[in-house]
Amino acid sequence: RTVAAVRALERRAGLPVDGVAGAGVRRALGRL
């Protein structure tokens, strides 16, 4: 479920969809 949520965020943010919580995902998460 966590991996699926990361992938959903990547799609929403226009990032490569690989399920990896890298720097782009961290930026897309904002202050959290």
PDB file of all heavy atoms in Angstrom:
ATOM      1  N   ARG A   1       0.827  -1.207   0.000  1.00  0.00           N
ATOM      2  CA  ARG A   1       0.000   0.000   0.000  1.00  0.00           C
ATOM      3  C   ARG A   1       0.863   1.259   0.000  1.00  0.00           C
ATOM      4  O   ARG A   1       0.518   2.260  -0.639  1.00  0.00           O
ATOM      5  CB  ARG A   1      -0.937   0.008   1.213  1.00  0.00           C
ATOM      6  CG  ARG A   1      -2.031  -1.040   1.146  1.00  0.00           C
ATOM      7  CD  ARG A   1      -3.058  -0.868   2.228  1.00  0.00           C
ATOM      8  NE  ARG A   1      -3.845   0.347   2.073  1.00  0.00           N
ATOM      9  CZ  ARG A   1      -4.862   0.688   2.849  1.00  0.00           C
ATOM     10  NH1 ARG A   1      -5.217  -0.095   3.857  1.00  0.00           N
ATOM     11  NH2 ARG A   1      -5.537   1.810   2.635  1.00  0.00           N
ATOM     12  N   THR A   2       1.989   1.213   0.695  1.00  0.00           N
ATOM     13  CA  THR A   2       2.886   2.370   0.715  1.00  0.00           C
ATOM     14  C   THR A   2       3.511   2.592  -0.663  1.00  0.00           C
ATOM     15  O   THR A   2       3.570   3.719  -1.165  1.00  0.00           O
ATOM     16  CB  THR A   2       3.981   2.190   1.780  1.00  0.00           C
ATOM     17  OG1 THR A   2       3.365   2.059   3.067  1.00  0.00           O
ATOM     18  CG2 THR A   2       4.937   3.366   1.802  1.00  0.00           C
ATOM     19  N   VAL A   3       3.948   1.502  -1.288  1.00  0.00           N
ATOM     20  CA  VAL A   3       4.518   1.619  -2.630  1.00  0.00           C
ATOM     21  C   VAL A   3       3.469   2.148  -3.609  1.00  0.00           C
ATOM     22  O   VAL A   3       3.754   3.030  -4.438  1.00  0.00           O
ATOM     23  CB  VAL A   3       5.060   0.255  -3.102  1.00  0.00           C
ATOM     24  CG1 VAL A   3       5.511   0.334  -4.559  1.00  0.00           C
ATOM     25  CG2 VAL A   3       6.228  -0.186  -2.223  1.00  0.00           C
ATOM     26  N   ALA A   4       2.239   1.643  -3.514  1.00  0.00           N
ATOM     27  CA  ALA A   4       1.170   2.113  -4.401  1.00  0.00           C
ATOM     28  C   ALA A   4       0.897   3.598  -4.190  1.00  0.00           C
ATOM     29  O   ALA A   4       0.637   4.340  -5.149  1.00  0.00           O
ATOM     30  CB  ALA A   4      -0.099   1.298  -4.166  1.00  0.00           C
ATOM     31  N   ALA A   5       0.961   4.050  -2.935  1.00  0.00           N
ATOM     32  CA  ALA A   5       0.729   5.464  -2.651  1.00  0.00           C
ATOM     33  C   ALA A   5       1.844   6.326  -3.228  1.00  0.00           C
ATOM     34  O   ALA A   5       1.591   7.427  -3.752  1.00  0.00           O
ATOM     35  CB  ALA A   5       0.617   5.680  -1.145  1.00  0.00           C
ATOM     36  N   VAL A   6       3.086   5.861  -3.150  1.00  0.00           N
ATOM     37  CA  VAL A   6       4.198   6.597  -3.761  1.00  0.00           C
ATOM     38  C   VAL A   6       3.995   6.701  -5.269  1.00  0.00           C
ATOM     39  O   VAL A   6       4.158   7.772  -5.873  1.00  0.00           O
ATOM     40  CB  VAL A   6       5.544   5.918  -3.437  1.00  0.00           C
ATOM     41  CG1 VAL A   6       6.681   6.538  -4.253  1.00  0.00           C
ATOM     42  CG2 VAL A   6       5.861   6.024  -1.946  1.00  0.00           C
ATOM     43  N   ARG A   7       3.609   5.607  -5.882  1.00  0.00           N
ATOM     44  CA  ARG A   7       3.384   5.620  -7.332  1.00  0.00           C
ATOM     45  C   ARG A   7       2.243   6.575  -7.703  1.00  0.00           C
ATOM     46  O   ARG A   7       2.314   7.288  -8.715  1.00  0.00           O
ATOM     47  CB  ARG A   7       3.102   4.209  -7.827  1.00  0.00           C
ATOM     48  CG  ARG A   7       4.306   3.274  -7.705  1.00  0.00           C
ATOM     49  CD  ARG A   7       3.915   1.818  -7.955  1.00  0.00           C
ATOM     50  NE  ARG A   7       3.566   1.597  -9.346  1.00  0.00           N
ATOM     51  CZ  ARG A   7       4.434   1.271 -10.303  1.00  0.00           C
ATOM     52  NH1 ARG A   7       5.720   1.127 -10.006  1.00  0.00           N
ATOM     53  NH2 ARG A   7       4.042   1.076 -11.535  1.00  0.00           N
ATOM     54  N   ALA A   8       1.189   6.600  -6.887  1.00  0.00           N
ATOM     55  CA  ALA A   8       0.073   7.521  -7.152  1.00  0.00           C
ATOM     56  C   ALA A   8       0.528   8.971  -7.048  1.00  0.00           C
ATOM     57  O   ALA A   8       0.126   9.826  -7.850  1.00  0.00           O
ATOM     58  CB  ALA A   8      -1.068   7.244  -6.173  1.00  0.00           C
ATOM     59  N   LEU A   9       1.370   9.264  -6.053  1.00  0.00           N
ATOM     60  CA  LEU A   9       1.893  10.623  -5.914  1.00  0.00           C
ATOM     61  C   LEU A   9       2.762  10.988  -7.107  1.00  0.00           C
ATOM     62  O   LEU A   9       2.695  12.119  -7.613  1.00  0.00           O
ATOM     63  CB  LEU A   9       2.694  10.740  -4.616  1.00  0.00           C
ATOM     64  CG  LEU A   9       3.324  12.112  -4.362  1.00  0.00           C
ATOM     65  CD1 LEU A   9       2.244  13.149  -4.049  1.00  0.00           C
ATOM     66  CD2 LEU A   9       4.339  12.047  -3.218  1.00  0.00           C
ATOM     67  N   GLU A  10       3.575  10.047  -7.561  1.00  0.00           N
ATOM     68  CA  GLU A  10       4.432  10.311  -8.726  1.00  0.00           C
ATOM     69  C   GLU A  10       3.591  10.637  -9.951  1.00  0.00           C
ATOM     70  O   GLU A  10       3.910  11.572 -10.697  1.00  0.00           O
ATOM     71  CB  GLU A  10       5.322   9.088  -8.986  1.00  0.00           C
ATOM     72  CG  GLU A  10       6.410   8.915  -7.931  1.00  0.00           C
ATOM     73  CD  GLU A  10       7.116   7.577  -8.023  1.00  0.00           C
ATOM     74  OE1 GLU A  10       6.490   6.593  -8.506  1.00  0.00           O
ATOM     75  OE2 GLU A  10       8.284   7.500  -7.610  1.00  0.00           O
ATOM     76  N   ARG A  11       2.523   9.889 -10.174  1.00  0.00           N
ATOM     77  CA  ARG A  11       1.652  10.184 -11.319  1.00  0.00           C
ATOM     78  C   ARG A  11       1.033  11.572 -11.172  1.00  0.00           C
ATOM     79  O   ARG A  11       0.973  12.336 -12.134  1.00  0.00           O
ATOM     80  CB  ARG A  11       0.554   9.114 -11.423  1.00  0.00           C
ATOM     81  CG  ARG A  11       1.035   7.793 -12.015  1.00  0.00           C
ATOM     82  CD  ARG A  11      -0.120   6.871 -12.345  1.00  0.00           C
ATOM     83  NE  ARG A  11      -0.760   6.367 -11.132  1.00  0.00           N
ATOM     84  CZ  ARG A  11      -0.398   5.258 -10.512  1.00  0.00           C
ATOM     85  NH1 ARG A  11       0.602   4.519 -10.976  1.00  0.00           N
ATOM     86  NH2 ARG A  11      -1.038   4.863  -9.429  1.00  0.00           N
ATOM     87  N   ARG A  12       0.587  11.880  -9.958  1.00  0.00           N
ATOM     88  CA  ARG A  12      -0.051  13.177  -9.709  1.00  0.00           C
ATOM     89  C   ARG A  12       0.931  14.325  -9.938  1.00  0.00           C
ATOM     90  O   ARG A  12       0.541  15.396 -10.434  1.00  0.00           O
ATOM     91  CB  ARG A  12      -0.572  13.209  -8.269  1.00  0.00           C
ATOM     92  CG  ARG A  12      -1.309  14.469  -7.891  1.00  0.00           C
ATOM     93  CD  ARG A  12      -1.626  14.483  -6.395  1.00  0.00           C
ATOM     94  NE  ARG A  12      -2.538  13.425  -6.002  1.00  0.00           N
ATOM     95  CZ  ARG A  12      -2.915  13.219  -4.727  1.00  0.00           C
ATOM     96  NH1 ARG A  12      -2.438  13.994  -3.758  1.00  0.00           N
ATOM     97  NH2 ARG A  12      -3.751  12.241  -4.444  1.00  0.00           N
ATOM     98  N   ALA A  13       2.200  14.120  -9.562  1.00  0.00           N
ATOM     99  CA  ALA A  13       3.202  15.187  -9.650  1.00  0.00           C
ATOM    100  C   ALA A  13       3.944  15.204 -10.978  1.00  0.00           C
ATOM    101  O   ALA A  13       4.832  16.044 -11.182  1.00  0.00           O
ATOM    102  CB  ALA A  13       4.200  15.043  -8.496  1.00  0.00           C
ATOM    103  N   GLY A  14       3.609  14.278 -11.892  1.00  0.00           N
ATOM    104  CA  GLY A  14       4.294  14.229 -13.174  1.00  0.00           C
ATOM    105  C   GLY A  14       5.714  13.706 -13.086  1.00  0.00           C
ATOM    106  O   GLY A  14       6.568  14.057 -13.925  1.00  0.00           O
ATOM    107  N   LEU A  15       5.988  12.859 -12.108  1.00  0.00           N
ATOM    108  CA  LEU A  15       7.308  12.270 -11.923  1.00  0.00           C
ATOM    109  C   LEU A  15       7.373  10.888 -12.559  1.00  0.00           C
ATOM    110  O   LEU A  15       6.331  10.263 -12.801  1.00  0.00           O
ATOM    111  CB  LEU A  15       7.624  12.147 -10.425  1.00  0.00           C
ATOM    112  CG  LEU A  15       7.683  13.433  -9.613  1.00  0.00           C
ATOM    113  CD1 LEU A  15       7.746  13.121  -8.121  1.00  0.00           C
ATOM    114  CD2 LEU A  15       8.888  14.262 -10.040  1.00  0.00           C
ATOM    115  N   PRO A  16       8.575  10.387 -12.837  1.00  0.00           N
ATOM    116  CA  PRO A  16       8.687   9.000 -13.303  1.00  0.00           C
ATOM    117  C   PRO A  16       8.053   8.061 -12.268  1.00  0.00           C
ATOM    118  O   PRO A  16       8.325   8.169 -11.065  1.00  0.00           O
ATOM    119  CB  PRO A  16      10.199   8.783 -13.407  1.00  0.00           C
ATOM    120  CG  PRO A  16      10.771  10.156 -13.578  1.00  0.00           C
ATOM    121  CD  PRO A  16       9.889  11.063 -12.788  1.00  0.00           C
ATOM    122  N   VAL A  17       7.238   7.161 -12.744  1.00  0.00           N
ATOM    123  CA  VAL A  17       6.492   6.289 -11.831  1.00  0.00           C
ATOM    124  C   VAL A  17       7.300   5.018 -11.597  1.00  0.00           C
ATOM    125  O   VAL A  17       7.239   4.052 -12.364  1.00  0.00           O
ATOM    126  CB  VAL A  17       5.094   5.965 -12.389  1.00  0.00           C
ATOM    127  CG1 VAL A  17       4.335   5.054 -11.425  1.00  0.00           C
ATOM    128  CG2 VAL A  17       4.316   7.244 -12.641  1.00  0.00           C
ATOM    129  N   ASP A  18       8.091   5.030 -10.495  1.00  0.00           N
ATOM    130  CA  ASP A  18       8.902   3.862 -10.158  1.00  0.00           C
ATOM    131  C   ASP A  18       8.683   3.377  -8.724  1.00  0.00           C
ATOM    132  O   ASP A  18       9.268   2.382  -8.315  1.00  0.00           O
ATOM    133  CB  ASP A  18      10.387   4.142 -10.396  1.00  0.00           C
ATOM    134  CG  ASP A  18      10.907   5.335  -9.588  1.00  0.00           C
ATOM    135  OD1 ASP A  18      10.168   5.837  -8.718  1.00  0.00           O
ATOM    136  OD2 ASP A  18      12.055   5.760  -9.838  1.00  0.00           O
ATOM    137  N   GLY A  19       7.855   4.090  -7.958  1.00  0.00           N
ATOM    138  CA  GLY A  19       7.577   3.652  -6.585  1.00  0.00           C
ATOM    139  C   GLY A  19       8.700   3.903  -5.608  1.00  0.00           C
ATOM    140  O   GLY A  19       8.660   3.401  -4.482  1.00  0.00           O
ATOM    141  N   VAL A  20       9.691   4.682  -5.996  1.00  0.00           N
ATOM    142  CA  VAL A  20      10.843   4.954  -5.137  1.00  0.00           C
ATOM    143  C   VAL A  20      10.712   6.352  -4.542  1.00  0.00           C
ATOM    144  O   VAL A  20      10.517   7.335  -5.267  1.00  0.00           O
ATOM    145  CB  VAL A  20      12.166   4.837  -5.928  1.00  0.00           C
ATOM    146  CG1 VAL A  20      13.347   5.195  -5.042  1.00  0.00           C
ATOM    147  CG2 VAL A  20      12.314   3.422  -6.467  1.00  0.00           C
ATOM    148  N   ALA A  21      10.829   6.453  -3.237  1.00  0.00           N
ATOM    149  CA  ALA A  21      10.660   7.742  -2.555  1.00  0.00           C
ATOM    150  C   ALA A  21      11.964   8.528  -2.589  1.00  0.00           C
ATOM    151  O   ALA A  21      12.634   8.714  -1.573  1.00  0.00           O
ATOM    152  CB  ALA A  21      10.200   7.527  -1.120  1.00  0.00           C
ATOM    153  N   GLY A  22      12.318   9.008  -3.753  1.00  0.00           N
ATOM    154  CA  GLY A  22      13.533   9.778  -3.926  1.00  0.00           C
ATOM    155  C   GLY A  22      13.309  11.262  -3.721  1.00  0.00           C
ATOM    156  O   GLY A  22      12.298  11.693  -3.164  1.00  0.00           O
ATOM    157  N   ALA A  23      14.245  12.065  -4.222  1.00  0.00           N
ATOM    158  CA  ALA A  23      14.211  13.504  -3.973  1.00  0.00           C
ATOM    159  C   ALA A  23      12.967  14.157  -4.570  1.00  0.00           C
ATOM    160  O   ALA A  23      12.378  15.061  -3.964  1.00  0.00           O
ATOM    161  CB  ALA A  23      15.474  14.153  -4.550  1.00  0.00           C
ATOM    162  N   GLY A  24      12.549  13.702  -5.772  1.00  0.00           N
ATOM    163  CA  GLY A  24      11.369  14.290  -6.393  1.00  0.00           C
ATOM    164  C   GLY A  24      10.112  14.046  -5.580  1.00  0.00           C
ATOM    165  O   GLY A  24       9.271  14.941  -5.416  1.00  0.00           O
ATOM    166  N   VAL A  25       9.981  12.838  -5.060  1.00  0.00           N
ATOM    167  CA  VAL A  25       8.831  12.511  -4.212  1.00  0.00           C
ATOM    168  C   VAL A  25       8.860  13.350  -2.946  1.00  0.00           C
ATOM    169  O   VAL A  25       7.833  13.891  -2.518  1.00  0.00           O
ATOM    170  CB  VAL A  25       8.817  11.008  -3.883  1.00  0.00           C
ATOM    171  CG1 VAL A  25       7.835  10.692  -2.754  1.00  0.00           C
ATOM    172  CG2 VAL A  25       8.473  10.196  -5.121  1.00  0.00           C
ATOM    173  N   ARG A  26      10.035  13.485  -2.363  1.00  0.00           N
ATOM    174  CA  ARG A  26      10.145  14.270  -1.130  1.00  0.00           C
ATOM    175  C   ARG A  26       9.734  15.724  -1.381  1.00  0.00           C
ATOM    176  O   ARG A  26       9.062  16.336  -0.557  1.00  0.00           O
ATOM    177  CB  ARG A  26      11.580  14.204  -0.582  1.00  0.00           C
ATOM    178  CG  ARG A  26      12.006  12.821  -0.092  1.00  0.00           C
ATOM    179  CD  ARG A  26      11.383  12.454   1.243  1.00  0.00           C
ATOM    180  NE  ARG A  26      11.970  13.220   2.322  1.00  0.00           N
ATOM    181  CZ  ARG A  26      13.061  12.848   3.006  1.00  0.00           C
ATOM    182  NH1 ARG A  26      13.676  11.722   2.709  1.00  0.00           N
ATOM    183  NH2 ARG A  26      13.523  13.605   3.986  1.00  0.00           N
ATOM    184  N   ARG A  27      10.129  16.281  -2.527  1.00  0.00           N
ATOM    185  CA  ARG A  27       9.732  17.648  -2.852  1.00  0.00           C
ATOM    186  C   ARG A  27       8.216  17.733  -3.040  1.00  0.00           C
ATOM    187  O   ARG A  27       7.571  18.685  -2.598  1.00  0.00           O
ATOM    188  CB  ARG A  27      10.454  18.139  -4.111  1.00  0.00           C
ATOM    189  CG  ARG A  27      11.904  18.527  -3.876  1.00  0.00           C
ATOM    190  CD  ARG A  27      12.468  19.288  -5.078  1.00  0.00           C
ATOM    191  NE  ARG A  27      12.455  18.471  -6.288  1.00  0.00           N
ATOM    192  CZ  ARG A  27      13.459  17.687  -6.652  1.00  0.00           C
ATOM    193  NH1 ARG A  27      14.557  17.607  -5.899  1.00  0.00           N
ATOM    194  NH2 ARG A  27      13.384  16.985  -7.778  1.00  0.00           N
ATOM    195  N   ALA A  28       7.643  16.733  -3.689  1.00  0.00           N
ATOM    196  CA  ALA A  28       6.207  16.735  -3.945  1.00  0.00           C
ATOM    197  C   ALA A  28       5.403  16.612  -2.655  1.00  0.00           C
ATOM    198  O   ALA A  28       4.234  17.014  -2.611  1.00  0.00           O
ATOM    199  CB  ALA A  28       5.853  15.590  -4.899  1.00  0.00           C
ATOM    200  N   LEU A  29       5.996  16.091  -1.607  1.00  0.00           N
ATOM    201  CA  LEU A  29       5.318  15.936  -0.317  1.00  0.00           C
ATOM    202  C   LEU A  29       5.268  17.246   0.466  1.00  0.00           C
ATOM    203  O   LEU A  29       4.621  17.315   1.511  1.00  0.00           O
ATOM    204  CB  LEU A  29       6.005  14.853   0.516  1.00  0.00           C
ATOM    205  CG  LEU A  29       5.800  13.427   0.016  1.00  0.00           C
ATOM    206  CD1 LEU A  29       6.715  12.466   0.762  1.00  0.00           C
ATOM    207  CD2 LEU A  29       4.346  12.994   0.134  1.00  0.00           C
ATOM    208  N   GLY A  30       5.957  18.271  -0.008  1.00  0.00           N
ATOM    209  CA  GLY A  30       5.910  19.576   0.659  1.00  0.00           C
ATOM    210  C   GLY A  30       6.627  19.570   1.990  1.00  0.00           C
ATOM    211  O   GLY A  30       7.636  18.889   2.168  1.00  0.00           O
ATOM    212  N   ARG A  31       6.106  20.322   2.942  1.00  0.00           N
ATOM    213  CA  ARG A  31       6.838  20.496   4.197  1.00  0.00           C
ATOM    214  C   ARG A  31       6.889  19.230   5.033  1.00  0.00           C
ATOM    215  O   ARG A  31       7.748  19.106   5.912  1.00  0.00           O
ATOM    216  CB  ARG A  31       6.253  21.650   5.013  1.00  0.00           C
ATOM    217  CG  ARG A  31       4.816  21.489   5.465  1.00  0.00           C
ATOM    218  CD  ARG A  31       4.418  22.706   6.273  1.00  0.00           C
ATOM    219  NE  ARG A  31       3.089  22.595   6.838  1.00  0.00           N
ATOM    220  CZ  ARG A  31       2.613  23.423   7.767  1.00  0.00           C
ATOM    221  NH1 ARG A  31       3.373  24.403   8.222  1.00  0.00           N
ATOM    222  NH2 ARG A  31       1.394  23.268   8.231  1.00  0.00           N
ATOM    223  N   LEU A  32       5.986  18.260   4.779  1.00  0.00           N
ATOM    224  CA  LEU A  32       6.085  16.981   5.480  1.00  0.00           C
ATOM    225  C   LEU A  32       7.099  16.051   4.826  1.00  0.00           C
ATOM    226  O   LEU A  32       7.366  14.974   5.341  1.00  0.00           O
ATOM    227  CB  LEU A  32       4.720  16.296   5.550  1.00  0.00           C
ATOM    228  CG  LEU A  32       3.728  16.878   6.552  1.00  0.00           C
ATOM    229  CD1 LEU A  32       2.407  16.124   6.507  1.00  0.00           C
ATOM    230  CD2 LEU A  32       4.285  16.858   7.975  1.00  0.00           C
TER     231      LEU A  32
END
